Amino acid sequence: GKLFVRKGFEPVFNVPVTFEQPERPLGTHVFTALPGKDESSFRWNVASFPGFAPTARKPAKVGKHDKAAKQEQPAVVLPSSTASEALQRVVIPPEAVEQISQLMTTGASLIISDKGLGPETGKGTDFIVLTR
């Protein structure tokens, strides 16, 4: 639920964000801005790492002859979003979009992940996201 902006290995700002369908996993998607057809445009390359989140386990139905055996059914696994779906699910405040737009340059990256910041992310480091 947080957007972090870093430039030159240093934090610039962060802002809370929300997600549509919060129960559904995002996966991890790394978008990189590449030079576009002209100096004022970008094209995007994306690398995606799927993620899965189990739903809550449900107690197994117990028949009248098997009341002592209380077992749980396996969790249902929901697939993560595609890169395009993940982008559409993030709700970013308009003022943050404006700030980000002003900072965009070729080579900039946008990372969407339900894993959060990796513990190696810190002062003087790149943005680290764990993929498993």
N, C-alpha and C. Protein backbone atom coordinates (compact mmCIF):
# COMPACT_ATOMS: atom_id res chain seq x y z
N GLY A 1 0.79 -1.20 0.00
CA GLY A 1 0.00 0.00 0.00
C GLY A 1 0.83 1.27 0.00
N LYS A 2 2.07 1.18 -0.49
CA LYS A 2 2.93 2.36 -0.48
C LYS A 2 3.71 2.43 -1.79
N LEU A 3 3.86 3.65 -2.31
CA LEU A 3 4.65 3.89 -3.51
C LEU A 3 5.92 4.62 -3.06
N PHE A 4 7.07 4.07 -3.44
CA PHE A 4 8.36 4.65 -3.11
C PHE A 4 9.00 5.18 -4.38
N VAL A 5 9.51 6.39 -4.35
CA VAL A 5 10.22 6.96 -5.50
C VAL A 5 11.66 7.17 -5.06
N ARG A 6 12.59 6.60 -5.85
CA ARG A 6 14.02 6.74 -5.58
C ARG A 6 14.69 7.23 -6.85
N LYS A 7 15.72 8.02 -6.69
CA LYS A 7 16.50 8.49 -7.84
C LYS A 7 17.95 8.60 -7.39
N GLY A 8 18.84 8.07 -8.24
CA GLY A 8 20.26 8.11 -7.88
C GLY A 8 20.53 7.36 -6.59
N PHE A 9 19.87 6.25 -6.38
CA PHE A 9 20.04 5.39 -5.19
C PHE A 9 19.58 6.04 -3.89
N GLU A 10 18.83 7.11 -3.97
CA GLU A 10 18.37 7.81 -2.77
C GLU A 10 16.85 7.97 -2.81
N PRO A 11 16.19 7.90 -1.65
CA PRO A 11 14.74 8.14 -1.60
C PRO A 11 14.41 9.58 -1.99
N VAL A 12 13.35 9.76 -2.79
CA VAL A 12 12.88 11.09 -3.17
C VAL A 12 11.59 11.40 -2.39
N PHE A 13 10.62 10.50 -2.45
CA PHE A 13 9.40 10.64 -1.66
C PHE A 13 8.67 9.31 -1.65
N ASN A 14 7.67 9.19 -0.79
CA ASN A 14 6.78 8.02 -0.82
C ASN A 14 5.38 8.51 -0.50
N VAL A 15 4.41 7.73 -0.94
CA VAL A 15 3.01 8.12 -0.80
C VAL A 15 2.16 6.85 -0.70
N PRO A 16 1.10 6.87 0.11
CA PRO A 16 0.20 5.71 0.17
C PRO A 16 -0.55 5.53 -1.15
N VAL A 17 -0.78 4.28 -1.52
CA VAL A 17 -1.60 3.95 -2.69
C VAL A 17 -2.59 2.87 -2.27
N THR A 18 -3.62 2.69 -3.07
CA THR A 18 -4.57 1.62 -2.84
C THR A 18 -4.61 0.73 -4.07
N PHE A 19 -5.23 -0.42 -3.91
CA PHE A 19 -5.31 -1.38 -5.00
C PHE A 19 -6.73 -1.86 -5.17
N GLU A 20 -7.17 -1.93 -6.41
CA GLU A 20 -8.45 -2.56 -6.70
C GLU A 20 -8.26 -4.06 -6.53
N GLN A 21 -9.26 -4.77 -6.10
CA GLN A 21 -9.20 -6.21 -5.83
C GLN A 21 -8.03 -6.54 -4.89
N PRO A 22 -8.01 -5.97 -3.69
CA PRO A 22 -6.87 -6.17 -2.79
C PRO A 22 -6.63 -7.62 -2.37
N GLU A 23 -7.62 -8.47 -2.49
CA GLU A 23 -7.45 -9.88 -2.12
C GLU A 23 -6.69 -10.67 -3.17
N ARG A 24 -6.57 -10.14 -4.36
CA ARG A 24 -5.89 -10.83 -5.46
C ARG A 24 -4.41 -10.45 -5.49
N PRO A 25 -3.50 -11.44 -5.61
CA PRO A 25 -2.07 -11.11 -5.64
C PRO A 25 -1.69 -10.31 -6.89
N LEU A 26 -0.68 -9.46 -6.73
CA LEU A 26 -0.17 -8.66 -7.85
C LEU A 26 0.89 -9.40 -8.65
N GLY A 27 1.74 -10.15 -7.96
CA GLY A 27 2.96 -10.66 -8.57
C GLY A 27 4.00 -9.57 -8.47
N THR A 28 5.09 -9.71 -9.19
CA THR A 28 6.12 -8.66 -9.24
C THR A 28 6.37 -8.33 -10.70
N HIS A 29 6.29 -7.05 -11.04
CA HIS A 29 6.44 -6.58 -12.42
C HIS A 29 7.42 -5.41 -12.44
N VAL A 30 8.46 -5.52 -13.23
CA VAL A 30 9.47 -4.47 -13.34
C VAL A 30 9.36 -3.86 -14.73
N PHE A 31 8.92 -2.61 -14.78
CA PHE A 31 8.79 -1.86 -16.03
C PHE A 31 10.01 -0.95 -16.16
N THR A 32 10.65 -0.95 -17.32
CA THR A 32 11.82 -0.09 -17.54
C THR A 32 11.54 0.81 -18.75
N ALA A 33 11.77 2.13 -18.57
CA ALA A 33 11.55 3.10 -19.64
C ALA A 33 12.72 3.06 -20.61
N LEU A 34 12.41 2.81 -21.87
CA LEU A 34 13.40 2.79 -22.94
C LEU A 34 13.14 3.97 -23.88
N PRO A 35 14.14 4.38 -24.65
CA PRO A 35 13.93 5.51 -25.57
C PRO A 35 12.78 5.23 -26.53
N GLY A 36 11.95 6.23 -26.74
CA GLY A 36 10.83 6.12 -27.67
C GLY A 36 11.23 6.61 -29.05
N LYS A 37 10.23 6.89 -29.87
CA LYS A 37 10.48 7.35 -31.24
C LYS A 37 11.05 8.76 -31.28
N ASP A 38 10.75 9.54 -30.24
CA ASP A 38 11.32 10.89 -30.16
C ASP A 38 11.76 11.14 -28.72
N GLU A 39 12.39 12.26 -28.46
CA GLU A 39 12.96 12.55 -27.15
C GLU A 39 11.92 12.72 -26.04
N SER A 40 10.68 12.98 -26.40
CA SER A 40 9.64 13.22 -25.39
C SER A 40 8.80 11.99 -25.10
N SER A 41 9.17 10.83 -25.65
CA SER A 41 8.35 9.64 -25.41
C SER A 41 9.22 8.47 -24.95
N PHE A 42 8.55 7.51 -24.34
CA PHE A 42 9.19 6.29 -23.86
C PHE A 42 8.46 5.09 -24.42
N ARG A 43 9.15 3.99 -24.47
CA ARG A 43 8.50 2.70 -24.65
C ARG A 43 8.90 1.89 -23.43
N TRP A 44 8.11 0.92 -23.09
CA TRP A 44 8.33 0.20 -21.83
C TRP A 44 8.65 -1.26 -22.07
N ASN A 45 9.64 -1.74 -21.38
CA ASN A 45 9.98 -3.16 -21.34
C ASN A 45 9.51 -3.67 -19.97
N VAL A 46 8.97 -4.86 -19.90
CA VAL A 46 8.51 -5.38 -18.62
C VAL A 46 9.01 -6.80 -18.40
N ALA A 47 9.42 -7.08 -17.18
CA ALA A 47 9.75 -8.44 -16.74
C ALA A 47 8.81 -8.76 -15.60
N SER A 48 8.13 -9.89 -15.67
CA SER A 48 7.15 -10.26 -14.65
C SER A 48 7.55 -11.55 -13.96
N PHE A 49 7.31 -11.58 -12.66
CA PHE A 49 7.55 -12.75 -11.84
C PHE A 49 6.24 -13.06 -11.14
N PRO A 50 5.58 -14.15 -11.52
CA PRO A 50 4.26 -14.42 -10.95
C PRO A 50 4.35 -14.69 -9.46
N GLY A 51 3.26 -14.39 -8.79
CA GLY A 51 3.15 -14.68 -7.37
C GLY A 51 1.81 -15.32 -7.13
N PHE A 52 1.71 -16.07 -6.08
CA PHE A 52 0.45 -16.72 -5.75
C PHE A 52 0.15 -16.50 -4.28
N ALA A 53 -1.10 -16.30 -3.96
CA ALA A 53 -1.51 -16.14 -2.57
C ALA A 53 -2.64 -17.12 -2.28
N PRO A 54 -2.46 -17.95 -1.29
CA PRO A 54 -3.55 -18.87 -0.96
C PRO A 54 -4.70 -18.14 -0.31
N THR A 55 -5.89 -18.62 -0.57
CA THR A 55 -7.06 -18.09 0.13
C THR A 55 -7.16 -18.82 1.46
N ALA A 56 -8.08 -18.43 2.28
CA ALA A 56 -8.24 -19.07 3.59
C ALA A 56 -8.64 -20.53 3.39
N ARG A 57 -8.15 -21.38 4.27
CA ARG A 57 -8.51 -22.80 4.22
C ARG A 57 -9.92 -22.97 4.78
N LYS A 58 -10.63 -23.95 4.22
CA LYS A 58 -11.98 -24.23 4.67
C LYS A 58 -12.00 -25.61 5.33
N PRO A 59 -12.74 -25.76 6.42
CA PRO A 59 -12.82 -27.09 7.03
C PRO A 59 -13.46 -28.07 6.06
N ALA A 60 -12.97 -29.31 6.07
CA ALA A 60 -13.53 -30.34 5.20
C ALA A 60 -14.91 -30.71 5.71
N LYS A 61 -15.78 -31.10 4.78
CA LYS A 61 -17.10 -31.57 5.18
C LYS A 61 -16.91 -32.93 5.84
N VAL A 62 -17.51 -33.09 6.98
CA VAL A 62 -17.38 -34.34 7.73
C VAL A 62 -18.70 -35.09 7.61
N GLY A 63 -18.60 -36.34 7.15
CA GLY A 63 -19.78 -37.18 7.03
C GLY A 63 -20.23 -37.68 8.38
N LYS A 64 -21.45 -38.22 8.45
CA LYS A 64 -21.97 -38.66 9.74
C LYS A 64 -21.21 -39.85 10.30
N HIS A 65 -20.48 -40.61 9.44
CA HIS A 65 -19.70 -41.76 9.91
C HIS A 65 -18.26 -41.37 10.23
N ASP A 66 -17.87 -40.14 9.98
CA ASP A 66 -16.47 -39.74 10.10
C ASP A 66 -16.33 -38.44 10.90
N LYS A 67 -17.09 -38.32 11.99
CA LYS A 67 -17.10 -37.07 12.74
C LYS A 67 -15.77 -36.77 13.42
N ALA A 68 -14.96 -37.77 13.72
CA ALA A 68 -13.69 -37.55 14.42
C ALA A 68 -12.63 -36.97 13.50
N ALA A 69 -12.76 -37.17 12.21
CA ALA A 69 -11.74 -36.71 11.26
C ALA A 69 -12.06 -35.30 10.79
N LYS A 70 -11.47 -34.32 11.44
CA LYS A 70 -11.64 -32.93 11.02
C LYS A 70 -10.39 -32.53 10.27
N GLN A 71 -10.47 -32.50 8.97
CA GLN A 71 -9.34 -32.12 8.13
C GLN A 71 -9.68 -30.86 7.37
N GLU A 72 -8.64 -30.12 7.04
CA GLU A 72 -8.85 -28.92 6.23
C GLU A 72 -8.67 -29.25 4.76
N GLN A 73 -9.48 -28.61 3.94
CA GLN A 73 -9.30 -28.74 2.50
C GLN A 73 -8.11 -27.90 2.09
N PRO A 74 -7.40 -28.29 1.02
CA PRO A 74 -6.29 -27.46 0.57
C PRO A 74 -6.75 -26.07 0.19
N ALA A 75 -5.89 -25.10 0.38
CA ALA A 75 -6.22 -23.72 0.03
C ALA A 75 -6.36 -23.57 -1.47
N VAL A 76 -7.27 -22.72 -1.88
CA VAL A 76 -7.42 -22.39 -3.29
C VAL A 76 -6.38 -21.32 -3.61
N VAL A 77 -5.65 -21.50 -4.71
CA VAL A 77 -4.59 -20.56 -5.05
C VAL A 77 -5.08 -19.62 -6.15
N LEU A 78 -4.98 -18.32 -5.89
CA LEU A 78 -5.38 -17.31 -6.86
C LEU A 78 -4.15 -16.89 -7.67
N PRO A 79 -4.23 -16.87 -9.01
CA PRO A 79 -3.08 -16.42 -9.80
C PRO A 79 -2.89 -14.91 -9.68
N SER A 80 -1.64 -14.48 -9.84
CA SER A 80 -1.35 -13.05 -9.77
C SER A 80 -1.79 -12.34 -11.04
N SER A 81 -1.81 -11.03 -10.97
CA SER A 81 -2.19 -10.19 -12.10
C SER A 81 -1.11 -10.23 -13.18
N THR A 82 -1.53 -9.99 -14.42
CA THR A 82 -0.56 -9.75 -15.49
C THR A 82 0.00 -8.35 -15.26
N ALA A 83 1.06 -7.99 -15.96
CA ALA A 83 1.66 -6.66 -15.82
C ALA A 83 0.63 -5.57 -16.11
N SER A 84 -0.13 -5.73 -17.16
CA SER A 84 -1.15 -4.74 -17.53
C SER A 84 -2.22 -4.64 -16.46
N GLU A 85 -2.68 -5.77 -15.95
CA GLU A 85 -3.71 -5.76 -14.90
C GLU A 85 -3.18 -5.10 -13.63
N ALA A 86 -1.92 -5.39 -13.28
CA ALA A 86 -1.33 -4.79 -12.07
C ALA A 86 -1.32 -3.27 -12.18
N LEU A 87 -0.92 -2.76 -13.35
CA LEU A 87 -0.92 -1.30 -13.56
C LEU A 87 -2.32 -0.71 -13.38
N GLN A 88 -3.31 -1.40 -13.91
CA GLN A 88 -4.69 -0.90 -13.84
C GLN A 88 -5.24 -0.97 -12.42
N ARG A 89 -4.71 -1.86 -11.58
CA ARG A 89 -5.22 -2.03 -10.23
C ARG A 89 -4.65 -1.02 -9.23
N VAL A 90 -3.52 -0.39 -9.55
CA VAL A 90 -2.90 0.56 -8.63
C VAL A 90 -3.60 1.91 -8.74
N VAL A 91 -4.02 2.46 -7.61
CA VAL A 91 -4.65 3.77 -7.57
C VAL A 91 -3.64 4.73 -6.91
N ILE A 92 -3.04 5.60 -7.73
CA ILE A 92 -2.01 6.53 -7.29
C ILE A 92 -2.61 7.92 -7.21
N PRO A 93 -2.35 8.64 -6.11
CA PRO A 93 -2.88 10.01 -6.01
C PRO A 93 -2.38 10.87 -7.18
N PRO A 94 -3.25 11.73 -7.74
CA PRO A 94 -2.88 12.55 -8.91
C PRO A 94 -1.62 13.40 -8.69
N GLU A 95 -1.44 13.94 -7.49
CA GLU A 95 -0.25 14.77 -7.24
C GLU A 95 1.03 13.94 -7.31
N ALA A 96 0.96 12.67 -6.92
CA ALA A 96 2.13 11.79 -7.03
C ALA A 96 2.42 11.47 -8.49
N VAL A 97 1.37 11.25 -9.28
CA VAL A 97 1.55 10.99 -10.72
C VAL A 97 2.27 12.18 -11.36
N GLU A 98 1.88 13.39 -10.98
CA GLU A 98 2.50 14.60 -11.52
C GLU A 98 3.98 14.67 -11.15
N GLN A 99 4.31 14.39 -9.89
CA GLN A 99 5.71 14.41 -9.45
C GLN A 99 6.53 13.35 -10.19
N ILE A 100 5.96 12.17 -10.33
CA ILE A 100 6.67 11.08 -11.02
C ILE A 100 6.90 11.45 -12.48
N SER A 101 5.90 12.02 -13.12
CA SER A 101 6.02 12.41 -14.54
C SER A 101 7.18 13.37 -14.75
N GLN A 102 7.40 14.27 -13.81
CA GLN A 102 8.50 15.23 -13.94
C GLN A 102 9.87 14.59 -13.75
N LEU A 103 9.92 13.46 -13.04
CA LEU A 103 11.19 12.78 -12.78
C LEU A 103 11.56 11.74 -13.83
N MET A 104 10.62 11.38 -14.70
CA MET A 104 10.84 10.29 -15.65
C MET A 104 11.94 10.58 -16.66
N THR A 105 12.84 9.62 -16.80
CA THR A 105 13.89 9.66 -17.81
C THR A 105 14.08 8.25 -18.34
N THR A 106 14.76 8.13 -19.47
CA THR A 106 15.11 6.82 -20.00
C THR A 106 15.91 6.07 -18.95
N GLY A 107 15.59 4.81 -18.76
CA GLY A 107 16.27 3.98 -17.76
C GLY A 107 15.53 3.92 -16.44
N ALA A 108 14.53 4.78 -16.25
CA ALA A 108 13.75 4.74 -15.01
C ALA A 108 12.98 3.43 -14.95
N SER A 109 12.72 2.97 -13.74
CA SER A 109 11.97 1.73 -13.55
C SER A 109 10.76 1.97 -12.67
N LEU A 110 9.72 1.23 -12.95
CA LEU A 110 8.52 1.19 -12.14
C LEU A 110 8.36 -0.26 -11.71
N ILE A 111 8.31 -0.49 -10.42
CA ILE A 111 8.18 -1.85 -9.92
C ILE A 111 6.88 -1.94 -9.14
N ILE A 112 6.04 -2.91 -9.51
CA ILE A 112 4.81 -3.19 -8.78
C ILE A 112 4.99 -4.57 -8.19
N SER A 113 4.83 -4.67 -6.88
CA SER A 113 5.04 -5.96 -6.22
C SER A 113 4.23 -6.05 -4.95
N ASP A 114 3.71 -7.24 -4.66
CA ASP A 114 3.06 -7.44 -3.38
C ASP A 114 4.06 -7.95 -2.35
N LYS A 115 5.34 -7.98 -2.70
CA LYS A 115 6.39 -8.42 -1.77
C LYS A 115 6.94 -7.27 -0.94
N GLY A 116 6.81 -6.04 -1.38
CA GLY A 116 7.33 -4.90 -0.63
C GLY A 116 8.83 -4.74 -0.81
N LEU A 117 9.38 -3.77 -0.07
CA LEU A 117 10.81 -3.51 -0.13
C LEU A 117 11.59 -4.68 0.45
N GLY A 118 12.69 -5.05 -0.21
CA GLY A 118 13.57 -6.05 0.35
C GLY A 118 14.40 -5.44 1.47
N PRO A 119 14.87 -6.25 2.40
CA PRO A 119 15.64 -5.71 3.53
C PRO A 119 16.98 -5.10 3.11
N GLU A 120 17.45 -5.38 1.89
CA GLU A 120 18.70 -4.81 1.41
C GLU A 120 18.54 -3.39 0.89
N THR A 121 17.30 -2.94 0.68
CA THR A 121 17.07 -1.59 0.19
C THR A 121 17.39 -0.60 1.29
N GLY A 122 18.26 0.34 0.99
CA GLY A 122 18.63 1.34 1.99
C GLY A 122 19.36 2.48 1.34
N LYS A 123 19.97 3.31 2.17
CA LYS A 123 20.71 4.46 1.67
C LYS A 123 21.85 3.99 0.77
N GLY A 124 21.93 4.58 -0.42
CA GLY A 124 23.00 4.24 -1.35
C GLY A 124 22.81 2.93 -2.09
N THR A 125 21.60 2.34 -2.02
CA THR A 125 21.35 1.08 -2.73
C THR A 125 20.29 1.30 -3.80
N ASP A 126 20.21 0.35 -4.68
CA ASP A 126 19.13 0.34 -5.66
C ASP A 126 17.88 -0.16 -4.92
N PHE A 127 16.75 -0.17 -5.61
CA PHE A 127 15.50 -0.66 -5.06
C PHE A 127 15.54 -2.18 -5.18
N ILE A 128 15.48 -2.88 -4.07
CA ILE A 128 15.57 -4.35 -4.05
C ILE A 128 14.20 -4.92 -3.74
N VAL A 129 13.73 -5.83 -4.60
CA VAL A 129 12.46 -6.54 -4.37
C VAL A 129 12.76 -8.02 -4.40
N LEU A 130 12.32 -8.72 -3.37
CA LEU A 130 12.45 -10.18 -3.35
C LEU A 130 11.38 -10.79 -4.24
N THR A 131 11.74 -11.81 -5.00
CA THR A 131 10.76 -12.41 -5.91
C THR A 131 10.25 -13.76 -5.42
N ARG A 132 10.74 -14.21 -4.29
CA ARG A 132 10.19 -15.45 -3.72
C ARG A 132 10.30 -15.45 -2.23
